Amino acid sequence: MGMFHKIKVGDTIIDSIDWEMTPELTFGTYESWGGRERVRNNDERIYYFFIDNWGEKPKLCLMERGVKHAKIIAEIQAPAELVSSCVDSQGEVAFYDRSFAINDNIRTWLIDHVLDDGDSSLVTPLTERVSHEDMGDKLPAWGGSVDGHELVTLPPEATELSDDDVRDIVLTHDFTDGELNPSGNFTNRLQHHGQHIIVDQRTGLMWQRGGLDITSIRLMNKKIDDLNHQGHLGYQDWRLPSVEEAMSLMESRANDKDIHLNSNFSKEQPFIFTSAKRTPGGYWFVDYKHGRLFWSSGTIPGGFGRLCRTI
């Protein structure tokens, strides 16, 4: 664990900084089976510093972490050039690798300027903002069957696809993709089925309005098996969508929630697993936040899930 130091966050004193923990290690430690020997119990909390590079400017943050628990509790007002230098040292990284471990220079600066009897004014506590998500204009109610009008049957099977394959899929169905087909115009005919299900009469698919939290592909498949065993929302055949099915929901413009989906879908699943593996390696994801397909590892950071089923 290294040296012991304390930091004041608001009125709270934290004295359990873990210098060895990184964003890369945290998933295996707290979300999957690997690394659990480090965890004494599910209520344990550890704290570590990391660089958040998801916004316009990178930020130095303090994370509170536990089993199925992750909360950024403070932003540290570090010199911009120090933080930027740490980001630049990462070199070329995957699009979704935007959280970085701190380097020795940042650690030294924290010890010298912030921790223990340092300047607590450099620590900005972050409070959670609870808001009610706007779920868009009310959709018509589903009548219980597929009407067959302009029905487009999309392949539901899990498969392996190359970069050329997914480009052909996007163009063939005129799906919107910010890089491959910005002018795409696939239209849906959505209806609601209760509070948690949306039906698309264009594709004959039933969708979760929300979905599953981010995890690895292994744990995602286990969650799906468990939900089907439980008869989730009255059905036992939920599955990950194919690339075609997931792309059919993509809208050309971001909605008021800054996501390329009909507003009746939740924004809490910004990029989702599809059932397709990538040739020669990885998994295909659909990114509704940025309006495009991409591929990445199925482990870290993994992906969210929005399940579907064929009516």
Protein backbone atom coordinates (compact mmCIF):
# COMPACT_ATOMS: atom_id res chain seq x y z
CA MET A 1 0.00 0.00 0.00
CA GLY A 2 2.96 2.36 0.36
CA MET A 3 3.11 5.34 2.69
CA PHE A 4 0.10 6.41 4.75
CA HIS A 5 -1.32 9.87 4.16
CA LYS A 6 -4.58 11.60 4.87
CA ILE A 7 -6.70 14.04 2.89
CA LYS A 8 -9.54 16.28 3.99
CA VAL A 9 -12.63 16.21 1.74
CA GLY A 10 -15.11 18.69 3.10
CA ASP A 11 -15.53 17.74 6.76
CA THR A 12 -14.31 14.18 6.21
CA ILE A 13 -10.76 12.97 6.84
CA ILE A 14 -9.69 10.05 4.64
CA ASP A 15 -6.56 8.16 5.68
CA SER A 16 -6.71 5.06 3.46
CA ILE A 17 -5.22 6.21 0.15
CA ASP A 18 -4.25 3.20 -1.96
CA TRP A 19 -1.28 4.22 -4.13
CA GLU A 20 -1.23 0.88 -5.93
CA MET A 21 -4.83 0.95 -7.18
CA THR A 22 -5.42 2.14 -10.76
CA PRO A 23 -8.46 2.39 -13.04
CA GLU A 24 -7.17 -0.65 -14.92
CA LEU A 25 -6.92 -2.78 -11.77
CA THR A 26 -10.15 -1.65 -10.17
CA PHE A 27 -12.49 -3.54 -12.50
CA GLY A 28 -10.88 -6.91 -11.88
CA THR A 29 -10.68 -6.23 -8.15
CA TYR A 30 -14.20 -5.00 -7.49
CA GLU A 31 -16.40 -6.17 -10.38
CA SER A 32 -15.17 -9.64 -11.34
CA TRP A 33 -13.63 -12.63 -9.64
CA GLY A 34 -10.02 -11.71 -10.39
CA GLY A 35 -8.17 -9.89 -7.63
CA ARG A 36 -10.80 -10.42 -4.96
CA GLU A 37 -8.15 -11.61 -2.53
CA ARG A 38 -7.52 -7.89 -1.94
CA VAL A 39 -11.08 -7.35 -0.70
CA ARG A 40 -11.85 -8.19 2.93
CA ASN A 41 -15.61 -7.57 2.75
CA ASN A 42 -18.25 -6.02 0.50
CA ASP A 43 -18.56 -2.91 2.70
CA GLU A 44 -14.86 -2.03 2.49
CA ARG A 45 -13.98 1.27 0.79
CA ILE A 46 -10.61 2.28 -0.62
CA TYR A 47 -9.56 5.60 -2.13
CA TYR A 48 -7.23 6.31 -5.01
CA PHE A 49 -6.27 9.20 -7.27
CA PHE A 50 -6.67 9.02 -11.03
CA ILE A 51 -6.83 11.20 -14.13
CA ASP A 52 -10.30 11.67 -15.64
CA ASN A 53 -9.79 12.51 -19.32
CA TRP A 54 -13.40 12.23 -20.49
CA GLY A 55 -14.16 15.95 -20.64
CA GLU A 56 -12.65 18.86 -22.53
CA LYS A 57 -9.78 19.05 -20.05
CA PRO A 58 -8.22 16.25 -17.96
CA LYS A 59 -8.87 16.39 -14.22
CA LEU A 60 -7.19 14.90 -11.17
CA CYS A 61 -9.85 13.13 -9.10
CA LEU A 62 -10.24 11.07 -5.94
CA MET A 63 -12.27 7.87 -6.29
CA GLU A 64 -14.10 5.98 -3.54
CA ARG A 65 -14.27 2.32 -4.53
CA GLY A 66 -15.81 -0.85 -3.20
CA VAL A 67 -17.59 -3.96 -4.44
CA LYS A 68 -20.17 -2.74 -6.98
CA HIS A 69 -19.53 0.79 -5.74
CA ALA A 70 -17.70 3.61 -7.53
CA LYS A 71 -18.03 7.28 -6.66
CA ILE A 72 -15.79 10.22 -7.54
CA ILE A 73 -15.81 12.22 -4.32
CA ALA A 74 -13.43 15.09 -5.07
CA GLU A 75 -11.58 16.96 -7.79
CA ILE A 76 -8.07 18.12 -6.97
CA GLN A 77 -7.02 21.48 -8.40
CA ALA A 78 -3.61 20.36 -9.64
CA PRO A 79 -1.48 22.41 -12.07
CA ALA A 80 -2.89 21.90 -15.56
CA GLU A 81 0.51 21.24 -17.10
CA LEU A 82 1.20 18.49 -14.54
CA VAL A 83 -2.05 16.68 -15.36
CA SER A 84 -1.68 17.16 -19.12
CA SER A 85 1.85 15.78 -19.01
CA CYS A 86 0.55 12.61 -17.36
CA VAL A 87 -2.08 12.20 -20.09
CA ASP A 88 0.44 12.84 -22.88
CA SER A 89 2.71 10.15 -21.48
CA GLN A 90 0.02 7.51 -22.09
CA GLY A 91 0.65 7.63 -25.83
CA GLU A 92 -2.04 6.34 -28.18
CA VAL A 93 -4.86 4.63 -26.30
CA ALA A 94 -8.21 3.09 -27.21
CA PHE A 95 -11.15 5.48 -27.45
CA TYR A 96 -12.71 4.25 -24.22
CA ASP A 97 -9.50 4.16 -22.23
CA ARG A 98 -9.88 7.67 -20.78
CA SER A 99 -9.14 7.05 -17.10
CA PHE A 100 -5.45 6.92 -16.24
CA ALA A 101 -3.28 6.11 -13.27
CA ILE A 102 -1.34 9.02 -11.82
CA ASN A 103 2.43 9.17 -12.31
CA ASP A 104 5.22 9.79 -9.79
CA ASN A 105 5.22 13.53 -10.46
CA ILE A 106 1.56 13.88 -9.51
CA ARG A 107 2.00 11.68 -6.46
CA THR A 108 4.90 13.85 -5.27
CA TRP A 109 2.89 17.03 -5.87
CA LEU A 110 -0.05 15.62 -3.87
CA ILE A 111 2.20 14.74 -0.94
CA ASP A 112 3.94 18.11 -1.00
CA HIS A 113 0.91 20.35 -1.52
CA VAL A 114 -2.37 18.62 -0.61
CA LEU A 115 -2.10 15.65 1.73
CA ASP A 116 -1.68 15.66 5.50
CA ASP A 117 -1.29 19.35 6.49
CA GLY A 118 -1.43 20.60 2.91
CA ASP A 119 -3.77 23.10 1.28
CA SER A 120 -7.31 21.72 1.65
CA SER A 121 -8.66 24.52 -0.55
CA LEU A 122 -7.21 22.59 -3.50
CA VAL A 123 -9.72 19.78 -2.81
CA THR A 124 -13.20 20.36 -4.25
CA PRO A 125 -15.78 17.89 -2.84
CA LEU A 126 -18.25 16.55 -5.38
CA THR A 127 -21.84 15.92 -4.35
CA GLU A 128 -24.16 13.58 -6.21
CA ARG A 129 -26.91 15.27 -8.13
CA VAL A 130 -30.12 13.26 -8.21
CA SER A 131 -32.34 14.08 -11.15
CA HIS A 132 -35.39 12.55 -12.73
CA GLU A 133 -34.69 11.48 -16.29
CA ASP A 134 -37.06 12.84 -18.92
CA MET A 135 -38.33 9.81 -20.84
CA GLY A 136 -39.66 11.76 -23.82
CA ASP A 137 -43.11 12.15 -25.32
CA LYS A 138 -45.47 9.31 -24.57
CA LEU A 139 -45.45 6.57 -27.19
CA PRO A 140 -48.56 4.74 -28.42
CA ALA A 141 -49.32 1.52 -26.56
CA TRP A 142 -48.33 -1.80 -28.12
CA GLY A 143 -51.29 -3.90 -29.18
CA GLY A 144 -49.61 -7.25 -28.56
CA SER A 145 -48.60 -8.29 -32.08
CA VAL A 146 -46.41 -7.25 -35.01
CA ASP A 147 -48.48 -5.45 -37.64
CA GLY A 148 -46.11 -6.39 -40.48
CA HIS A 149 -46.23 -2.94 -42.13
CA GLU A 150 -42.83 -2.25 -43.73
CA LEU A 151 -41.30 -4.86 -41.44
CA VAL A 152 -37.53 -5.16 -41.75
CA THR A 153 -36.17 -8.44 -40.43
CA LEU A 154 -32.65 -7.99 -39.09
CA PRO A 155 -30.25 -10.91 -38.47
CA PRO A 156 -30.41 -11.81 -34.76
CA GLU A 157 -27.52 -14.28 -34.69
CA ALA A 158 -24.26 -13.78 -32.86
CA THR A 159 -21.45 -13.71 -35.40
CA GLU A 160 -17.90 -12.55 -36.12
CA LEU A 161 -17.55 -9.41 -38.22
CA SER A 162 -14.58 -7.62 -39.78
CA ASP A 163 -14.30 -3.86 -40.18
CA ASP A 164 -15.45 -4.24 -43.80
CA ASP A 165 -18.42 -6.35 -42.71
CA VAL A 166 -19.77 -3.71 -40.33
CA ARG A 167 -19.27 -0.99 -42.95
CA ASP A 168 -21.38 -3.03 -45.38
CA ILE A 169 -24.05 -3.53 -42.71
CA VAL A 170 -24.31 0.18 -42.01
CA LEU A 171 -24.55 1.09 -45.69
CA THR A 172 -26.91 -1.74 -46.65
CA HIS A 173 -29.51 -0.77 -44.05
CA ASP A 174 -28.80 2.96 -44.19
CA PHE A 175 -28.05 3.08 -40.48
CA THR A 176 -26.69 6.33 -39.09
CA ASP A 177 -23.02 6.22 -38.14
CA GLY A 178 -21.05 9.41 -37.58
CA GLU A 179 -18.03 8.03 -39.43
CA LEU A 180 -19.34 5.38 -41.84
CA ASN A 181 -22.69 6.90 -42.87
CA PRO A 182 -23.45 10.31 -41.33
CA SER A 183 -26.51 10.81 -43.55
CA GLY A 184 -28.10 7.44 -42.66
CA ASN A 185 -31.85 7.46 -42.15
CA PHE A 186 -33.28 4.23 -40.75
CA THR A 187 -36.69 4.97 -39.24
CA ASN A 188 -38.38 3.19 -36.32
CA ARG A 189 -42.01 2.82 -35.27
CA LEU A 190 -41.83 2.68 -31.51
CA GLN A 191 -44.56 1.77 -29.03
CA HIS A 192 -44.52 1.28 -25.29
CA HIS A 193 -45.40 -1.93 -23.47
CA GLY A 194 -45.74 -1.00 -19.84
CA GLN A 195 -43.14 1.08 -18.04
CA HIS A 196 -39.97 -0.83 -18.92
CA ILE A 197 -40.37 -2.13 -22.49
CA ILE A 198 -40.35 -0.49 -25.91
CA VAL A 199 -41.48 -2.31 -29.05
CA ASP A 200 -40.30 -1.38 -32.54
CA GLN A 201 -42.90 -2.34 -35.13
CA ARG A 202 -40.37 -1.63 -37.88
CA THR A 203 -38.05 -4.47 -36.81
CA GLY A 204 -40.36 -6.69 -34.75
CA LEU A 205 -38.10 -6.30 -31.72
CA MET A 206 -38.87 -5.73 -28.06
CA TRP A 207 -36.30 -3.68 -26.12
CA GLN A 208 -35.46 -2.84 -22.57
CA ARG A 209 -36.17 0.83 -22.00
CA GLY A 210 -33.15 0.94 -19.69
CA GLY A 211 -30.60 -1.83 -19.45
CA LEU A 212 -27.73 -3.39 -17.57
CA ASP A 213 -24.83 -1.63 -15.89
CA ILE A 214 -21.29 -1.75 -17.24
CA THR A 215 -19.45 -5.04 -16.77
CA SER A 216 -17.30 -7.57 -18.64
CA ILE A 217 -18.73 -9.77 -21.39
CA ARG A 218 -18.43 -12.80 -19.13
CA LEU A 219 -20.47 -11.24 -16.36
CA MET A 220 -22.88 -9.68 -18.85
CA ASN A 221 -23.73 -13.12 -20.22
CA LYS A 222 -24.20 -14.42 -16.70
CA LYS A 223 -26.56 -11.53 -15.89
CA ILE A 224 -28.60 -12.32 -19.00
CA ASP A 225 -28.85 -15.99 -18.03
CA ASP A 226 -30.00 -15.01 -14.54
CA LEU A 227 -32.61 -12.58 -15.87
CA ASN A 228 -34.00 -15.18 -18.27
CA HIS A 229 -34.15 -17.73 -15.48
CA GLN A 230 -36.16 -15.20 -13.44
CA GLY A 231 -38.50 -14.39 -16.34
CA HIS A 232 -37.38 -10.76 -16.58
CA LEU A 233 -40.35 -8.48 -17.39
CA GLY A 234 -42.38 -11.58 -18.22
CA TYR A 235 -40.04 -13.17 -20.78
CA GLN A 236 -37.23 -15.72 -20.77
CA ASP A 237 -35.52 -15.10 -24.10
CA TRP A 238 -33.73 -11.77 -23.66
CA ARG A 239 -30.40 -11.51 -25.47
CA LEU A 240 -27.73 -9.09 -26.61
CA PRO A 241 -28.67 -7.46 -29.92
CA SER A 242 -26.78 -8.13 -33.10
CA VAL A 243 -24.88 -5.23 -34.67
CA GLU A 244 -27.80 -4.72 -37.07
CA GLU A 245 -30.37 -4.69 -34.27
CA ALA A 246 -28.42 -2.32 -32.04
CA MET A 247 -27.69 0.07 -34.93
CA SER A 248 -31.37 0.17 -35.88
CA LEU A 249 -32.01 2.36 -32.82
CA MET A 250 -29.33 4.93 -33.69
CA GLU A 251 -30.67 8.41 -34.46
CA SER A 252 -28.83 10.95 -36.57
CA ARG A 253 -29.11 13.74 -34.01
CA ALA A 254 -28.51 13.67 -30.28
CA ASN A 255 -31.62 14.23 -28.20
CA ASP A 256 -32.03 16.60 -25.25
CA LYS A 257 -30.17 14.06 -23.11
CA ASP A 258 -27.18 14.28 -25.48
CA ILE A 259 -27.55 10.74 -26.77
CA HIS A 260 -28.40 9.43 -30.26
CA LEU A 261 -31.53 7.55 -29.25
CA ASN A 262 -35.24 8.17 -29.05
CA SER A 263 -35.81 10.02 -25.77
CA ASN A 264 -37.99 7.19 -24.47
CA PHE A 265 -34.84 5.13 -23.96
CA SER A 266 -32.70 5.77 -20.90
CA LYS A 267 -29.42 7.65 -21.28
CA GLU A 268 -27.76 5.48 -18.63
CA GLN A 269 -26.46 2.93 -21.17
CA PRO A 270 -24.40 5.17 -23.49
CA PHE A 271 -22.52 2.37 -25.24
CA ILE A 272 -23.69 -1.24 -25.37
CA PHE A 273 -22.39 -4.68 -26.16
CA THR A 274 -23.61 -6.35 -29.30
CA SER A 275 -23.51 -10.11 -29.72
CA ALA A 276 -20.85 -9.80 -32.44
CA LYS A 277 -17.17 -10.51 -31.99
CA ARG A 278 -14.67 -8.67 -34.12
CA THR A 279 -12.33 -10.37 -36.55
CA PRO A 280 -9.42 -10.58 -35.73
CA GLY A 281 -10.14 -9.75 -32.05
CA GLY A 282 -12.37 -7.84 -29.65
CA TYR A 283 -16.11 -7.16 -29.55
CA TRP A 284 -18.36 -4.78 -31.44
CA PHE A 285 -20.14 -2.06 -29.47
CA VAL A 286 -22.69 0.55 -30.47
CA ASP A 287 -22.00 3.98 -29.03
CA TYR A 288 -25.16 6.08 -28.73
CA LYS A 289 -23.28 8.89 -27.01
CA HIS A 290 -21.08 9.66 -30.00
CA GLY A 291 -23.27 8.08 -32.69
CA ARG A 292 -21.05 5.34 -34.03
CA LEU A 293 -19.89 1.74 -34.00
CA PHE A 294 -16.60 0.83 -32.38
CA TRP A 295 -14.72 -2.22 -31.19
CA SER A 296 -12.85 -2.82 -27.96
CA SER A 297 -12.00 -5.46 -25.41
CA GLY A 298 -14.88 -7.26 -23.76
CA THR A 299 -13.22 -7.07 -20.34
CA ILE A 300 -11.88 -3.66 -19.30
CA PRO A 301 -13.89 -1.48 -19.19
CA GLY A 302 -16.45 -3.78 -20.78
CA GLY A 303 -19.78 -2.30 -21.72
CA PHE A 304 -23.39 -1.69 -20.81
CA GLY A 305 -26.27 -3.87 -21.96
CA ARG A 306 -29.60 -3.08 -23.57
CA LEU A 307 -31.31 -6.39 -24.19
CA CYS A 308 -33.81 -7.25 -26.87
CA ARG A 309 -35.98 -10.16 -27.95
CA THR A 310 -37.80 -11.09 -31.12
CA ILE A 311 -41.56 -10.79 -30.81
